Amino acid sequence: RVITLGHARQAARAVLVRGSRVVWVGDDPRQAPPHEHRLDLDGGVVGP
């Protein structure tokens, strides 16, 4: 799970980080923009 604490999207499964910024948040990792690396945090949760 990804806990966003946002109003529009409260939860997701994946976050794409480029440089100092988050550039994409979504439910399906296959829909993420192109990226060089992937880190699977199985059994974990990401939040602010």
All heavy atoms as atom14 arrays in JSON, in Angstrom:
{
  "sequence": "RVITLGHARQAARAVLVRGSRVVWVGDDPRQAPPHEHRLDLDGGVVGP",
  "atom14_mask": [
    [1, 1, 1, 1, 1, 1, 1, 1, 1, 1, 1, 0, 0, 0],
    [1, 1, 1, 1, 1, 1, 1, 0, 0, 0, 0, 0, 0, 0],
    [1, 1, 1, 1, 1, 1, 1, 1, 0, 0, 0, 0, 0, 0],
    [1, 1, 1, 1, 1, 1, 1, 0, 0, 0, 0, 0, 0, 0],
    [1, 1, 1, 1, 1, 1, 1, 1, 0, 0, 0, 0, 0, 0],
    [1, 1, 1, 1, 0, 0, 0, 0, 0, 0, 0, 0, 0, 0],
    [1, 1, 1, 1, 1, 1, 1, 1, 1, 1, 0, 0, 0, 0],
    [1, 1, 1, 1, 1, 0, 0, 0, 0, 0, 0, 0, 0, 0],
    [1, 1, 1, 1, 1, 1, 1, 1, 1, 1, 1, 0, 0, 0],
    [1, 1, 1, 1, 1, 1, 1, 1, 1, 0, 0, 0, 0, 0],
    [1, 1, 1, 1, 1, 0, 0, 0, 0, 0, 0, 0, 0, 0],
    [1, 1, 1, 1, 1, 0, 0, 0, 0, 0, 0, 0, 0, 0],
    [1, 1, 1, 1, 1, 1, 1, 1, 1, 1, 1, 0, 0, 0],
    [1, 1, 1, 1, 1, 0, 0, 0, 0, 0, 0, 0, 0, 0],
    [1, 1, 1, 1, 1, 1, 1, 0, 0, 0, 0, 0, 0, 0],
    [1, 1, 1, 1, 1, 1, 1, 1, 0, 0, 0, 0, 0, 0],
    [1, 1, 1, 1, 1, 1, 1, 0, 0, 0, 0, 0, 0, 0],
    [1, 1, 1, 1, 1, 1, 1, 1, 1, 1, 1, 0, 0, 0],
    [1, 1, 1, 1, 0, 0, 0, 0, 0, 0, 0, 0, 0, 0],
    [1, 1, 1, 1, 1, 1, 0, 0, 0, 0, 0, 0, 0, 0],
    [1, 1, 1, 1, 1, 1, 1, 1, 1, 1, 1, 0, 0, 0],
    [1, 1, 1, 1, 1, 1, 1, 0, 0, 0, 0, 0, 0, 0],
    [1, 1, 1, 1, 1, 1, 1, 0, 0, 0, 0, 0, 0, 0],
    [1, 1, 1, 1, 1, 1, 1, 1, 1, 1, 1, 1, 1, 1],
    [1, 1, 1, 1, 1, 1, 1, 0, 0, 0, 0, 0, 0, 0],
    [1, 1, 1, 1, 0, 0, 0, 0, 0, 0, 0, 0, 0, 0],
    [1, 1, 1, 1, 1, 1, 1, 1, 0, 0, 0, 0, 0, 0],
    [1, 1, 1, 1, 1, 1, 1, 1, 0, 0, 0, 0, 0, 0],
    [1, 1, 1, 1, 1, 1, 1, 0, 0, 0, 0, 0, 0, 0],
    [1, 1, 1, 1, 1, 1, 1, 1, 1, 1, 1, 0, 0, 0],
    [1, 1, 1, 1, 1, 1, 1, 1, 1, 0, 0, 0, 0, 0],
    [1, 1, 1, 1, 1, 0, 0, 0, 0, 0, 0, 0, 0, 0],
    [1, 1, 1, 1, 1, 1, 1, 0, 0, 0, 0, 0, 0, 0],
    [1, 1, 1, 1, 1, 1, 1, 0, 0, 0, 0, 0, 0, 0],
    [1, 1, 1, 1, 1, 1, 1, 1, 1, 1, 0, 0, 0, 0],
    [1, 1, 1, 1, 1, 1, 1, 1, 1, 0, 0, 0, 0, 0],
    [1, 1, 1, 1, 1, 1, 1, 1, 1, 1, 0, 0, 0, 0],
    [1, 1, 1, 1, 1, 1, 1, 1, 1, 1, 1, 0, 0, 0],
    [1, 1, 1, 1, 1, 1, 1, 1, 0, 0, 0, 0, 0, 0],
    [1, 1, 1, 1, 1, 1, 1, 1, 0, 0, 0, 0, 0, 0],
    [1, 1, 1, 1, 1, 1, 1, 1, 0, 0, 0, 0, 0, 0],
    [1, 1, 1, 1, 1, 1, 1, 1, 0, 0, 0, 0, 0, 0],
    [1, 1, 1, 1, 0, 0, 0, 0, 0, 0, 0, 0, 0, 0],
    [1, 1, 1, 1, 0, 0, 0, 0, 0, 0, 0, 0, 0, 0],
    [1, 1, 1, 1, 1, 1, 1, 0, 0, 0, 0, 0, 0, 0],
    [1, 1, 1, 1, 1, 1, 1, 0, 0, 0, 0, 0, 0, 0],
    [1, 1, 1, 1, 0, 0, 0, 0, 0, 0, 0, 0, 0, 0],
    [1, 1, 1, 1, 1, 1, 1, 0, 0, 0, 0, 0, 0, 0]
  ],
  "atom14_positions": [
    [[0.85, -1.2, 0.0], [0.0, 0.0, 0.0], [0.87, 1.24, 0.0], [1.97, 1.24, 0.56], [-0.89, 0.06, 1.25], [-2.14, -0.74, 1.21], [-3.24, -0.09, 2.09], [-2.88, 0.07, 3.49], [-3.56, 0.86, 4.34], [-4.6, 1.57, 3.9], [-3.2, 0.94, 5.61], [0.0, 0.0, 0.0], [0.0, 0.0, 0.0], [0.0, 0.0, 0.0]],
    [[0.38, 2.28, -0.62], [0.97, 3.61, -0.51], [-0.1, 4.52, 0.09], [-1.17, 4.68, -0.48], [1.43, 4.17, -1.88], [1.91, 5.61, -1.72], [2.53, 3.3, -2.47], [0.0, 0.0, 0.0], [0.0, 0.0, 0.0], [0.0, 0.0, 0.0], [0.0, 0.0, 0.0], [0.0, 0.0, 0.0], [0.0, 0.0, 0.0], [0.0, 0.0, 0.0]],
    [[0.19, 5.07, 1.24], [-0.71, 6.01, 1.9], [-0.31, 7.41, 1.45], [0.81, 7.85, 1.71], [-0.62, 5.89, 3.43], [-0.87, 4.45, 3.87], [-1.6, 6.86, 4.1], [-2.23, 3.91, 3.52], [0.0, 0.0, 0.0], [0.0, 0.0, 0.0], [0.0, 0.0, 0.0], [0.0, 0.0, 0.0], [0.0, 0.0, 0.0], [0.0, 0.0, 0.0]],
    [[-1.21, 8.12, 0.79], [-0.85, 9.42, 0.23], [-1.2, 10.59, 1.15], [-0.58, 11.64, 1.06], [-1.55, 9.64, -1.11], [-2.96, 9.81, -0.9], [-1.32, 8.46, -2.06], [0.0, 0.0, 0.0], [0.0, 0.0, 0.0], [0.0, 0.0, 0.0], [0.0, 0.0, 0.0], [0.0, 0.0, 0.0], [0.0, 0.0, 0.0], [0.0, 0.0, 0.0]],
    [[-2.23, 10.42, 1.98], [-2.82, 11.5, 2.78], [-3.36, 12.62, 1.91], [-3.6, 13.74, 2.4], [-1.81, 12.06, 3.79], [-1.36, 11.1, 4.9], [-0.44, 11.82, 5.89], [-2.54, 10.49, 5.63], [0.0, 0.0, 0.0], [0.0, 0.0, 0.0], [0.0, 0.0, 0.0], [0.0, 0.0, 0.0], [0.0, 0.0, 0.0], [0.0, 0.0, 0.0]],
    [[-3.58, 12.34, 0.64], [-4.17, 13.32, -0.26], [-5.69, 13.23, -0.26], [-6.28, 12.26, 0.19], [0.0, 0.0, 0.0], [0.0, 0.0, 0.0], [0.0, 0.0, 0.0], [0.0, 0.0, 0.0], [0.0, 0.0, 0.0], [0.0, 0.0, 0.0], [0.0, 0.0, 0.0], [0.0, 0.0, 0.0], [0.0, 0.0, 0.0], [0.0, 0.0, 0.0]],
    [[-6.32, 14.25, -0.79], [-7.79, 14.27, -0.84], [-8.31, 13.5, -2.06], [-9.31, 12.78, -1.95], [-8.29, 15.71, -0.88], [-7.98, 16.48, 0.37], [-8.47, 16.14, 1.6], [-7.22, 17.59, 0.57], [-8.04, 16.99, 2.51], [-7.27, 17.88, 1.92], [0.0, 0.0, 0.0], [0.0, 0.0, 0.0], [0.0, 0.0, 0.0], [0.0, 0.0, 0.0]],
    [[-7.66, 13.65, -3.19], [-8.16, 13.01, -4.41], [-7.85, 11.51, -4.4], [-8.73, 10.69, -4.63], [-7.54, 13.67, -5.64], [0.0, 0.0, 0.0], [0.0, 0.0, 0.0], [0.0, 0.0, 0.0], [0.0, 0.0, 0.0], [0.0, 0.0, 0.0], [0.0, 0.0, 0.0], [0.0, 0.0, 0.0], [0.0, 0.0, 0.0], [0.0, 0.0, 0.0]],
    [[-6.62, 11.15, -4.16], [-6.23, 9.74, -4.09], [-5.65, 9.47, -2.72], [-4.61, 9.99, -2.36], [-5.18, 9.43, -5.18], [-4.64, 8.0, -5.09], [-3.45, 7.8, -5.99], [-3.83, 7.72, -7.39], [-4.26, 6.61, -7.99], [-4.37, 5.49, -7.31], [-4.58, 6.62, -9.26], [0.0, 0.0, 0.0], [0.0, 0.0, 0.0], [0.0, 0.0, 0.0]],
    [[-6.33, 8.63, -1.95], [-5.9, 8.38, -0.59], [-4.94, 7.21, -0.47], [-4.21, 7.09, 0.5], [-7.12, 8.15, 0.3], [-8.03, 9.37, 0.37], [-9.22, 9.16, 1.27], [-9.48, 8.05, 1.72], [-9.95, 10.23, 1.54], [0.0, 0.0, 0.0], [0.0, 0.0, 0.0], [0.0, 0.0, 0.0], [0.0, 0.0, 0.0], [0.0, 0.0, 0.0]],
    [[-4.96, 6.3, -1.45], [-4.08, 5.13, -1.4], [-3.72, 4.71, -2.81], [-4.42, 5.0, -3.78], [-4.76, 3.97, -0.66], [0.0, 0.0, 0.0], [0.0, 0.0, 0.0], [0.0, 0.0, 0.0], [0.0, 0.0, 0.0], [0.0, 0.0, 0.0], [0.0, 0.0, 0.0], [0.0, 0.0, 0.0], [0.0, 0.0, 0.0], [0.0, 0.0, 0.0]],
    [[-2.58, 4.02, -2.92], [-2.09, 3.52, -4.21], [-1.19, 2.33, -3.91], [-1.18, 1.81, -2.79], [-1.35, 4.62, -4.96], [0.0, 0.0, 0.0], [0.0, 0.0, 0.0], [0.0, 0.0, 0.0], [0.0, 0.0, 0.0], [0.0, 0.0, 0.0], [0.0, 0.0, 0.0], [0.0, 0.0, 0.0], [0.0, 0.0, 0.0], [0.0, 0.0, 0.0]],
    [[-0.43, 1.9, -4.94], [0.5, 0.8, -4.73], [1.92, 1.14, -5.15], [2.86, 0.44, -4.77], [0.04, -0.44, -5.52], [-1.03, -1.26, -4.83], [-0.97, -2.71, -5.27], [0.29, -3.34, -4.95], [1.02, -4.06, -5.82], [0.62, -4.22, -7.07], [2.16, -4.61, -5.43], [0.0, 0.0, 0.0], [0.0, 0.0, 0.0], [0.0, 0.0, 0.0]],
    [[2.1, 2.19, -5.92], [3.43, 2.46, -6.46], [3.67, 3.97, -6.56], [2.74, 4.75, -6.76], [3.6, 1.8, -7.83], [0.0, 0.0, 0.0], [0.0, 0.0, 0.0], [0.0, 0.0, 0.0], [0.0, 0.0, 0.0], [0.0, 0.0, 0.0], [0.0, 0.0, 0.0], [0.0, 0.0, 0.0], [0.0, 0.0, 0.0], [0.0, 0.0, 0.0]],
    [[4.96, 4.33, -6.41], [5.39, 5.73, -6.48], [6.65, 5.77, -7.33], [7.58, 4.98, -7.13], [5.72, 6.29, -5.07], [6.2, 7.73, -5.18], [4.52, 6.2, -4.16], [0.0, 0.0, 0.0], [0.0, 0.0, 0.0], [0.0, 0.0, 0.0], [0.0, 0.0, 0.0], [0.0, 0.0, 0.0], [0.0, 0.0, 0.0], [0.0, 0.0, 0.0]],
    [[6.71, 6.68, -8.28], [7.9, 6.86, -9.11], [8.62, 8.14, -8.67], [8.02, 9.22, -8.62], [7.54, 6.95, -10.59], [8.72, 7.16, -11.56], [9.75, 6.05, -11.43], [8.21, 7.26, -13.0], [0.0, 0.0, 0.0], [0.0, 0.0, 0.0], [0.0, 0.0, 0.0], [0.0, 0.0, 0.0], [0.0, 0.0, 0.0], [0.0, 0.0, 0.0]],
    [[9.89, 7.98, -8.31], [10.72, 9.09, -7.86], [11.78, 9.38, -8.92], [12.52, 8.49, -9.35], [11.42, 8.76, -6.52], [12.34, 9.9, -6.1], [10.37, 8.49, -5.44], [0.0, 0.0, 0.0], [0.0, 0.0, 0.0], [0.0, 0.0, 0.0], [0.0, 0.0, 0.0], [0.0, 0.0, 0.0], [0.0, 0.0, 0.0], [0.0, 0.0, 0.0]],
    [[11.83, 10.64, -9.36], [12.89, 11.11, -10.26], [13.51, 12.36, -9.66], [12.8, 13.31, -9.36], [12.35, 11.43, -11.65], [12.02, 10.23, -12.52], [11.53, 10.68, -13.87], [11.14, 9.57, -14.73], [10.38, 9.67, -15.81], [9.93, 10.88, -16.17], [10.07, 8.62, -16.52], [0.0, 0.0, 0.0], [0.0, 0.0, 0.0], [0.0, 0.0, 0.0]],
    [[14.81, 12.33, -9.52], [15.46, 13.48, -8.89], [14.94, 13.65, -7.48], [14.88, 12.72, -6.69], [0.0, 0.0, 0.0], [0.0, 0.0, 0.0], [0.0, 0.0, 0.0], [0.0, 0.0, 0.0], [0.0, 0.0, 0.0], [0.0, 0.0, 0.0], [0.0, 0.0, 0.0], [0.0, 0.0, 0.0], [0.0, 0.0, 0.0], [0.0, 0.0, 0.0]],
    [[14.51, 14.86, -7.16], [14.01, 15.15, -5.81], [12.5, 15.04, -5.71], [11.95, 15.29, -4.63], [14.44, 16.57, -5.4], [13.85, 17.53, -6.26], [0.0, 0.0, 0.0], [0.0, 0.0, 0.0], [0.0, 0.0, 0.0], [0.0, 0.0, 0.0], [0.0, 0.0, 0.0], [0.0, 0.0, 0.0], [0.0, 0.0, 0.0], [0.0, 0.0, 0.0]],
    [[11.83, 14.63, -6.81], [10.37, 14.72, -6.84], [9.7, 13.37, -7.05], [10.26, 12.45, -7.66], [9.93, 15.65, -7.98], [10.45, 17.06, -7.88], [9.74, 17.84, -6.8], [10.42, 19.1, -6.49], [10.0, 19.95, -5.56], [8.92, 19.68, -4.86], [10.68, 21.05, -5.32], [0.0, 0.0, 0.0], [0.0, 0.0, 0.0], [0.0, 0.0, 0.0]],
    [[8.47, 13.3, -6.57], [7.55, 12.24, -6.98], [6.95, 12.68, -8.32], [6.47, 13.81, -8.44], [6.43, 12.06, -5.94], [5.34, 11.14, -6.46], [7.0, 11.53, -4.64], [0.0, 0.0, 0.0], [0.0, 0.0, 0.0], [0.0, 0.0, 0.0], [0.0, 0.0, 0.0], [0.0, 0.0, 0.0], [0.0, 0.0, 0.0], [0.0, 0.0, 0.0]],
    [[6.99, 11.81, -9.33], [6.47, 12.18, -10.64], [5.25, 11.36, -11.05], [4.58, 11.69, -12.03], [7.56, 12.07, -11.74], [8.71, 13.03, -11.44], [8.06, 10.65, -11.87], [0.0, 0.0, 0.0], [0.0, 0.0, 0.0], [0.0, 0.0, 0.0], [0.0, 0.0, 0.0], [0.0, 0.0, 0.0], [0.0, 0.0, 0.0], [0.0, 0.0, 0.0]],
    [[4.96, 10.3, -10.3], [3.78, 9.47, -10.62], [3.39, 8.67, -9.4], [4.24, 8.17, -8.65], [4.11, 8.53, -11.78], [2.99, 7.61, -12.19], [1.99, 7.88, -13.06], [2.78, 6.26, -11.75], [1.14, 6.8, -13.2], [1.61, 5.79, -12.4], [3.45, 5.41, -10.87], [1.12, 4.49, -12.2], [2.96, 4.13, -10.66], [1.81, 3.69, -11.33]],
    [[2.08, 8.55, -9.17], [1.53, 7.71, -8.12], [0.37, 6.93, -8.72], [-0.51, 7.52, -9.36], [1.02, 8.55, -6.92], [0.45, 7.65, -5.83], [2.13, 9.43, -6.36], [0.0, 0.0, 0.0], [0.0, 0.0, 0.0], [0.0, 0.0, 0.0], [0.0, 0.0, 0.0], [0.0, 0.0, 0.0], [0.0, 0.0, 0.0], [0.0, 0.0, 0.0]],
    [[0.36, 5.6, -8.55], [-0.7, 4.83, -9.17], [-0.9, 3.47, -8.54], [-0.14, 3.04, -7.67], [0.0, 0.0, 0.0], [0.0, 0.0, 0.0], [0.0, 0.0, 0.0], [0.0, 0.0, 0.0], [0.0, 0.0, 0.0], [0.0, 0.0, 0.0], [0.0, 0.0, 0.0], [0.0, 0.0, 0.0], [0.0, 0.0, 0.0], [0.0, 0.0, 0.0]],
    [[-1.95, 2.8, -9.01], [-2.31, 1.47, -8.48], [-1.6, 0.34, -9.22], [-1.27, -0.68, -8.62], [-3.82, 1.24, -8.58], [-4.59, 2.19, -7.68], [-4.2, 2.33, -6.51], [-5.58, 2.78, -8.16], [0.0, 0.0, 0.0], [0.0, 0.0, 0.0], [0.0, 0.0, 0.0], [0.0, 0.0, 0.0], [0.0, 0.0, 0.0], [0.0, 0.0, 0.0]],
    [[-1.38, 0.5, -10.5], [-0.81, -0.57, -11.33], [0.6, -0.2, -11.75], [0.79, 0.71, -12.57], [-1.69, -0.79, -12.57], [-1.25, -1.99, -13.39], [-0.17, -2.54, -13.1], [-1.98, -2.37, -14.32], [0.0, 0.0, 0.0], [0.0, 0.0, 0.0], [0.0, 0.0, 0.0], [0.0, 0.0, 0.0], [0.0, 0.0, 0.0], [0.0, 0.0, 0.0]],
    [[1.63, -0.85, -11.2], [3.01, -0.52, -11.56], [3.27, -0.6, -13.06], [4.17, 0.09, -13.57], [3.84, -1.54, -10.79], [2.97, -1.98, -9.66], [1.56, -1.93, -10.19], [0.0, 0.0, 0.0], [0.0, 0.0, 0.0], [0.0, 0.0, 0.0], [0.0, 0.0, 0.0], [0.0, 0.0, 0.0], [0.0, 0.0, 0.0], [0.0, 0.0, 0.0]],
    [[2.49, -1.43, -13.77], [2.72, -1.55, -15.22], [2.35, -0.28, -15.96], [2.79, -0.08, -17.11], [1.9, -2.72, -15.77], [2.33, -4.09, -15.22], [1.36, -5.18, -15.62], [0.01, -4.91, -15.09], [-1.04, -5.7, -15.28], [-0.91, -6.81, -16.0], [-2.21, -5.4, -14.76], [0.0, 0.0, 0.0], [0.0, 0.0, 0.0], [0.0, 0.0, 0.0]],
    [[1.57, 0.58, -15.34], [1.16, 1.83, -15.98], [2.12, 2.99, -15.67], [1.89, 4.1, -16.14], [-0.24, 2.21, -15.51], [-1.31, 1.17, -15.82], [-1.45, 0.95, -17.32], [-1.45, 1.91, -18.1], [-1.57, -0.3, -17.73], [0.0, 0.0, 0.0], [0.0, 0.0, 0.0], [0.0, 0.0, 0.0], [0.0, 0.0, 0.0], [0.0, 0.0, 0.0]],
    [[3.15, 2.72, -14.91], [4.08, 3.78, -14.54], [4.87, 4.26, -15.75], [5.13, 3.49, -16.69], [5.04, 3.28, -13.47], [0.0, 0.0, 0.0], [0.0, 0.0, 0.0], [0.0, 0.0, 0.0], [0.0, 0.0, 0.0], [0.0, 0.0, 0.0], [0.0, 0.0, 0.0], [0.0, 0.0, 0.0], [0.0, 0.0, 0.0], [0.0, 0.0, 0.0]],
    [[5.27, 5.52, -15.79], [6.15, 6.01, -16.86], [7.46, 5.23, -16.87], [7.81, 4.55, -15.9], [6.37, 7.48, -16.48], [5.23, 7.83, -15.59], [4.9, 6.58, -14.84], [0.0, 0.0, 0.0], [0.0, 0.0, 0.0], [0.0, 0.0, 0.0], [0.0, 0.0, 0.0], [0.0, 0.0, 0.0], [0.0, 0.0, 0.0], [0.0, 0.0, 0.0]],
    [[8.21, 5.3, -17.96], [9.49, 4.59, -18.02], [10.4, 4.96, -16.85], [10.46, 6.11, -16.41], [10.09, 5.07, -19.35], [8.91, 5.48, -20.17], [7.93, 6.04, -19.21], [0.0, 0.0, 0.0], [0.0, 0.0, 0.0], [0.0, 0.0, 0.0], [0.0, 0.0, 0.0], [0.0, 0.0, 0.0], [0.0, 0.0, 0.0], [0.0, 0.0, 0.0]],
    [[11.11, 3.94, -16.34], [11.99, 4.17, -15.21], [13.17, 3.21, -15.29], [13.1, 2.16, -15.93], [11.24, 3.98, -13.88], [10.42, 2.73, -13.84], [9.13, 2.68, -14.34], [10.69, 1.48, -13.37], [8.64, 1.45, -14.18], [9.58, 0.71, -13.61], [0.0, 0.0, 0.0], [0.0, 0.0, 0.0], [0.0, 0.0, 0.0], [0.0, 0.0, 0.0]],
    [[14.25, 3.58, -14.65], [15.47, 2.79, -14.71], [15.49, 1.66, -13.68], [15.99, 0.57, -13.95], [16.68, 3.71, -14.5], [18.03, 3.02, -14.66], [19.19, 3.97, -14.51], [18.95, 5.17, -14.24], [20.35, 3.53, -14.69], [0.0, 0.0, 0.0], [0.0, 0.0, 0.0], [0.0, 0.0, 0.0], [0.0, 0.0, 0.0], [0.0, 0.0, 0.0]],
    [[14.95, 1.93, -12.5], [15.03, 0.95, -11.41], [13.64, 0.69, -10.83], [12.74, 1.54, -10.92], [15.94, 1.46, -10.29], [17.32, 1.8, -10.72], [18.25, 0.84, -11.08], [17.94, 3.01, -10.87], [19.38, 1.44, -11.42], [19.22, 2.75, -11.29], [0.0, 0.0, 0.0], [0.0, 0.0, 0.0], [0.0, 0.0, 0.0], [0.0, 0.0, 0.0]],
    [[13.51, -0.46, -10.22], [12.3, -0.82, -9.49], [12.71, -1.47, -8.17], [13.59, -2.34, -8.14], [11.42, -1.76, -10.3], [10.23, -2.34, -9.52], [9.29, -3.11, -10.4], [8.3, -3.86, -9.62], [7.11, -4.2, -10.05], [6.72, -3.87, -11.29], [6.28, -4.89, -9.28], [0.0, 0.0, 0.0], [0.0, 0.0, 0.0], [0.0, 0.0, 0.0]],
    [[12.05, -1.06, -7.08], [12.28, -1.65, -5.78], [10.95, -2.17, -5.24], [10.02, -1.39, -5.02], [12.87, -0.63, -4.8], [13.1, -1.12, -3.37], [14.12, -2.25, -3.34], [13.55, 0.03, -2.46], [0.0, 0.0, 0.0], [0.0, 0.0, 0.0], [0.0, 0.0, 0.0], [0.0, 0.0, 0.0], [0.0, 0.0, 0.0], [0.0, 0.0, 0.0]],
    [[10.86, -3.47, -5.06], [9.66, -4.09, -4.52], [9.78, -4.19, -3.01], [10.7, -4.84, -2.48], [9.45, -5.47, -5.12], [9.0, -5.39, -6.57], [7.87, -4.94, -6.81], [9.8, -5.76, -7.47], [0.0, 0.0, 0.0], [0.0, 0.0, 0.0], [0.0, 0.0, 0.0], [0.0, 0.0, 0.0], [0.0, 0.0, 0.0], [0.0, 0.0, 0.0]],
    [[8.85, -3.56, -2.32], [8.82, -3.56, -0.86], [7.68, -4.47, -0.41], [6.7, -4.05, 0.2], [8.63, -2.14, -0.33], [9.74, -1.15, -0.72], [9.31, 0.28, -0.48], [11.01, -1.47, 0.08], [0.0, 0.0, 0.0], [0.0, 0.0, 0.0], [0.0, 0.0, 0.0], [0.0, 0.0, 0.0], [0.0, 0.0, 0.0], [0.0, 0.0, 0.0]],
    [[7.82, -5.76, -0.73], [6.77, -6.72, -0.43], [6.54, -6.79, 1.08], [7.48, -6.87, 1.87], [7.15, -8.1, -0.95], [7.27, -8.13, -2.48], [6.58, -7.32, -3.12], [8.05, -8.94, -3.0], [0.0, 0.0, 0.0], [0.0, 0.0, 0.0], [0.0, 0.0, 0.0], [0.0, 0.0, 0.0], [0.0, 0.0, 0.0], [0.0, 0.0, 0.0]],
    [[5.28, -6.79, 1.46], [4.94, -6.84, 2.87], [5.1, -5.52, 3.58], [5.01, -5.46, 4.81], [0.0, 0.0, 0.0], [0.0, 0.0, 0.0], [0.0, 0.0, 0.0], [0.0, 0.0, 0.0], [0.0, 0.0, 0.0], [0.0, 0.0, 0.0], [0.0, 0.0, 0.0], [0.0, 0.0, 0.0], [0.0, 0.0, 0.0], [0.0, 0.0, 0.0]],
    [[5.33, -4.45, 2.82], [5.55, -3.14, 3.42], [4.55, -2.11, 2.93], [3.77, -2.35, 2.0], [0.0, 0.0, 0.0], [0.0, 0.0, 0.0], [0.0, 0.0, 0.0], [0.0, 0.0, 0.0], [0.0, 0.0, 0.0], [0.0, 0.0, 0.0], [0.0, 0.0, 0.0], [0.0, 0.0, 0.0], [0.0, 0.0, 0.0], [0.0, 0.0, 0.0]],
    [[4.58, -0.96, 3.57], [3.71, 0.14, 3.22], [4.54, 1.41, 3.16], [5.48, 1.6, 3.94], [2.55, 0.28, 4.23], [3.07, 0.54, 5.63], [1.57, 1.37, 3.82], [0.0, 0.0, 0.0], [0.0, 0.0, 0.0], [0.0, 0.0, 0.0], [0.0, 0.0, 0.0], [0.0, 0.0, 0.0], [0.0, 0.0, 0.0], [0.0, 0.0, 0.0]],
    [[4.22, 2.29, 2.2], [4.93, 3.56, 2.0], [3.97, 4.7, 2.31], [2.78, 4.64, 1.97], [5.44, 3.69, 0.55], [6.03, 5.08, 0.3], [6.49, 2.63, 0.26], [0.0, 0.0, 0.0], [0.0, 0.0, 0.0], [0.0, 0.0, 0.0], [0.0, 0.0, 0.0], [0.0, 0.0, 0.0], [0.0, 0.0, 0.0], [0.0, 0.0, 0.0]],
    [[4.47, 5.72, 2.96], [3.67, 6.9, 3.25], [4.54, 8.13, 3.33], [5.77, 8.06, 3.15], [0.0, 0.0, 0.0], [0.0, 0.0, 0.0], [0.0, 0.0, 0.0], [0.0, 0.0, 0.0], [0.0, 0.0, 0.0], [0.0, 0.0, 0.0], [0.0, 0.0, 0.0], [0.0, 0.0, 0.0], [0.0, 0.0, 0.0], [0.0, 0.0, 0.0]],
    [[3.94, 9.28, 3.6], [4.75, 10.49, 3.81], [5.68, 10.29, 4.99], [5.29, 9.73, 6.02], [3.7, 11.56, 4.12], [2.41, 11.03, 3.61], [2.49, 9.55, 3.75], [0.0, 0.0, 0.0], [0.0, 0.0, 0.0], [0.0, 0.0, 0.0], [0.0, 0.0, 0.0], [0.0, 0.0, 0.0], [0.0, 0.0, 0.0], [0.0, 0.0, 0.0]]
  ]
}
